[in-house]
Amino acid sequence: MGETALRFSGIFAITEIGAEIWEMLCEGKDISDITEALLEAYDVEKDINDFLQMLRENELIVE
């Protein structure tokens, strides 16, 4: 996670998929493992990419 995530005190509204992504990030899984797991479970490639981009833009994750 990015430094901003550690200091962030706001609220983000996220979808169920977003919540799953966040949980997996907290478990230390990398982006490719998260994407693979979600693509197996759902047809959500665009949702995954959009959510991760939002996290990057807000400096909540770093790669």
N, C-alpha and C. Protein backbone atom coordinates (compact mmCIF):
# COMPACT_ATOMS: atom_id res chain seq x y z
N MET A 1 0.84 -1.17 0.00
CA MET A 1 0.00 0.00 0.00
C MET A 1 0.88 1.23 0.00
N GLY A 2 0.32 2.31 -0.52
CA GLY A 2 1.06 3.55 -0.59
C GLY A 2 1.05 4.29 0.73
N GLU A 3 1.97 5.23 0.87
CA GLU A 3 2.07 6.05 2.09
C GLU A 3 0.77 6.81 2.34
N THR A 4 0.12 7.26 1.27
CA THR A 4 -1.14 7.99 1.42
C THR A 4 -2.19 7.13 2.09
N ALA A 5 -2.23 5.84 1.76
CA ALA A 5 -3.22 4.94 2.36
C ALA A 5 -3.06 4.88 3.87
N LEU A 6 -1.84 4.98 4.34
CA LEU A 6 -1.59 4.92 5.78
C LEU A 6 -2.09 6.17 6.50
N ARG A 7 -2.12 7.31 5.78
CA ARG A 7 -2.55 8.58 6.38
C ARG A 7 -4.00 8.93 6.03
N PHE A 8 -4.60 8.21 5.12
CA PHE A 8 -5.93 8.53 4.60
C PHE A 8 -6.99 8.41 5.69
N SER A 9 -7.83 9.44 5.81
CA SER A 9 -8.88 9.40 6.83
C SER A 9 -10.26 9.65 6.22
N GLY A 10 -10.37 9.54 4.90
CA GLY A 10 -11.64 9.74 4.22
C GLY A 10 -12.38 8.44 4.02
N ILE A 11 -13.40 8.51 3.19
CA ILE A 11 -14.22 7.34 2.89
C ILE A 11 -14.31 7.18 1.38
N PHE A 12 -14.17 5.95 0.92
CA PHE A 12 -14.40 5.60 -0.46
C PHE A 12 -15.57 4.63 -0.49
N ALA A 13 -16.49 4.84 -1.39
CA ALA A 13 -17.57 3.87 -1.62
C ALA A 13 -17.06 2.90 -2.68
N ILE A 14 -17.05 1.61 -2.35
CA ILE A 14 -16.53 0.63 -3.29
C ILE A 14 -17.55 -0.49 -3.50
N THR A 15 -17.41 -1.15 -4.62
CA THR A 15 -18.29 -2.26 -4.95
C THR A 15 -17.83 -3.53 -4.22
N GLU A 16 -18.61 -4.57 -4.36
CA GLU A 16 -18.22 -5.86 -3.77
C GLU A 16 -16.88 -6.32 -4.33
N ILE A 17 -16.69 -6.13 -5.63
CA ILE A 17 -15.42 -6.50 -6.27
C ILE A 17 -14.29 -5.65 -5.69
N GLY A 18 -14.54 -4.36 -5.52
CA GLY A 18 -13.54 -3.47 -4.92
C GLY A 18 -13.15 -3.93 -3.52
N ALA A 19 -14.14 -4.37 -2.74
CA ALA A 19 -13.87 -4.86 -1.39
C ALA A 19 -13.00 -6.12 -1.44
N GLU A 20 -13.27 -7.00 -2.39
CA GLU A 20 -12.46 -8.20 -2.54
C GLU A 20 -11.03 -7.85 -2.92
N ILE A 21 -10.89 -6.89 -3.84
CA ILE A 21 -9.55 -6.45 -4.25
C ILE A 21 -8.80 -5.90 -3.04
N TRP A 22 -9.46 -5.05 -2.27
CA TRP A 22 -8.82 -4.43 -1.10
C TRP A 22 -8.39 -5.50 -0.09
N GLU A 23 -9.26 -6.46 0.16
CA GLU A 23 -8.91 -7.54 1.09
C GLU A 23 -7.67 -8.30 0.61
N MET A 24 -7.63 -8.61 -0.69
CA MET A 24 -6.49 -9.34 -1.22
C MET A 24 -5.21 -8.51 -1.16
N LEU A 25 -5.33 -7.19 -1.39
CA LEU A 25 -4.16 -6.32 -1.25
C LEU A 25 -3.66 -6.34 0.20
N CYS A 26 -4.57 -6.31 1.15
CA CYS A 26 -4.19 -6.35 2.57
C CYS A 26 -3.54 -7.67 2.94
N GLU A 27 -3.88 -8.73 2.22
CA GLU A 27 -3.28 -10.04 2.45
C GLU A 27 -1.90 -10.15 1.79
N GLY A 28 -1.51 -9.11 1.05
CA GLY A 28 -0.19 -9.10 0.43
C GLY A 28 -0.13 -9.71 -0.96
N LYS A 29 -1.30 -9.99 -1.54
CA LYS A 29 -1.31 -10.56 -2.89
C LYS A 29 -0.94 -9.48 -3.89
N ASP A 30 -0.27 -9.89 -4.98
CA ASP A 30 0.10 -8.91 -5.99
C ASP A 30 -1.02 -8.77 -7.02
N ILE A 31 -0.89 -7.73 -7.82
CA ILE A 31 -1.94 -7.36 -8.77
C ILE A 31 -2.26 -8.49 -9.74
N SER A 32 -1.24 -9.18 -10.23
CA SER A 32 -1.51 -10.25 -11.19
C SER A 32 -2.27 -11.40 -10.55
N ASP A 33 -1.95 -11.75 -9.30
CA ASP A 33 -2.69 -12.81 -8.60
C ASP A 33 -4.14 -12.41 -8.34
N ILE A 34 -4.34 -11.14 -7.97
CA ILE A 34 -5.69 -10.63 -7.71
C ILE A 34 -6.51 -10.68 -9.00
N THR A 35 -5.91 -10.18 -10.07
CA THR A 35 -6.62 -10.16 -11.36
C THR A 35 -6.99 -11.57 -11.78
N GLU A 36 -6.06 -12.50 -11.68
CA GLU A 36 -6.32 -13.88 -12.07
C GLU A 36 -7.45 -14.49 -11.24
N ALA A 37 -7.42 -14.28 -9.93
CA ALA A 37 -8.45 -14.85 -9.05
C ALA A 37 -9.83 -14.29 -9.38
N LEU A 38 -9.91 -12.99 -9.61
CA LEU A 38 -11.21 -12.38 -9.89
C LEU A 38 -11.72 -12.72 -11.28
N LEU A 39 -10.82 -12.84 -12.25
CA LEU A 39 -11.25 -13.22 -13.59
C LEU A 39 -11.78 -14.64 -13.61
N GLU A 40 -11.24 -15.51 -12.76
CA GLU A 40 -11.76 -16.87 -12.66
C GLU A 40 -13.17 -16.88 -12.06
N ALA A 41 -13.41 -15.96 -11.11
CA ALA A 41 -14.69 -15.94 -10.40
C ALA A 41 -15.75 -15.10 -11.11
N TYR A 42 -15.34 -14.05 -11.79
CA TYR A 42 -16.26 -13.09 -12.40
C TYR A 42 -15.78 -12.69 -13.79
N ASP A 43 -16.63 -12.04 -14.55
CA ASP A 43 -16.25 -11.44 -15.82
C ASP A 43 -16.08 -9.94 -15.57
N VAL A 44 -14.96 -9.57 -14.96
CA VAL A 44 -14.83 -8.22 -14.42
C VAL A 44 -13.51 -7.52 -14.77
N GLU A 45 -12.90 -7.86 -15.86
CA GLU A 45 -11.58 -7.27 -16.16
C GLU A 45 -11.61 -5.75 -16.12
N LYS A 46 -12.63 -5.13 -16.73
CA LYS A 46 -12.71 -3.67 -16.73
C LYS A 46 -12.90 -3.14 -15.31
N ASP A 47 -13.74 -3.77 -14.50
CA ASP A 47 -13.96 -3.33 -13.12
C ASP A 47 -12.66 -3.38 -12.32
N ILE A 48 -11.90 -4.45 -12.49
CA ILE A 48 -10.64 -4.59 -11.77
C ILE A 48 -9.69 -3.46 -12.15
N ASN A 49 -9.53 -3.25 -13.45
CA ASN A 49 -8.60 -2.21 -13.93
C ASN A 49 -9.04 -0.82 -13.49
N ASP A 50 -10.34 -0.54 -13.56
CA ASP A 50 -10.85 0.77 -13.14
C ASP A 50 -10.61 1.02 -11.66
N PHE A 51 -10.88 0.00 -10.82
CA PHE A 51 -10.69 0.15 -9.38
C PHE A 51 -9.22 0.34 -9.03
N LEU A 52 -8.36 -0.45 -9.63
CA LEU A 52 -6.93 -0.32 -9.36
C LEU A 52 -6.41 1.04 -9.82
N GLN A 53 -6.90 1.52 -10.95
CA GLN A 53 -6.49 2.84 -11.43
C GLN A 53 -6.91 3.93 -10.45
N MET A 54 -8.13 3.83 -9.92
CA MET A 54 -8.59 4.80 -8.92
C MET A 54 -7.69 4.78 -7.68
N LEU A 55 -7.30 3.59 -7.23
CA LEU A 55 -6.40 3.49 -6.08
C LEU A 55 -5.05 4.12 -6.38
N ARG A 56 -4.52 3.87 -7.60
CA ARG A 56 -3.23 4.46 -7.99
C ARG A 56 -3.33 5.98 -8.05
N GLU A 57 -4.38 6.50 -8.69
CA GLU A 57 -4.54 7.94 -8.84
C GLU A 57 -4.63 8.65 -7.50
N ASN A 58 -5.18 7.98 -6.50
CA ASN A 58 -5.30 8.56 -5.16
C ASN A 58 -4.14 8.17 -4.26
N GLU A 59 -3.11 7.58 -4.86
CA GLU A 59 -1.89 7.18 -4.17
C GLU A 59 -2.17 6.29 -2.97
N LEU A 60 -3.18 5.41 -3.12
CA LEU A 60 -3.50 4.48 -2.05
C LEU A 60 -2.75 3.16 -2.20
N ILE A 61 -2.26 2.89 -3.42
CA ILE A 61 -1.37 1.76 -3.65
C ILE A 61 -0.22 2.22 -4.53
N VAL A 62 0.89 1.54 -4.39
CA VAL A 62 2.05 1.78 -5.26
C VAL A 62 2.50 0.44 -5.78
N GLU A 63 3.09 0.45 -6.94
CA GLU A 63 3.57 -0.79 -7.53
C GLU A 63 5.04 -0.70 -7.80
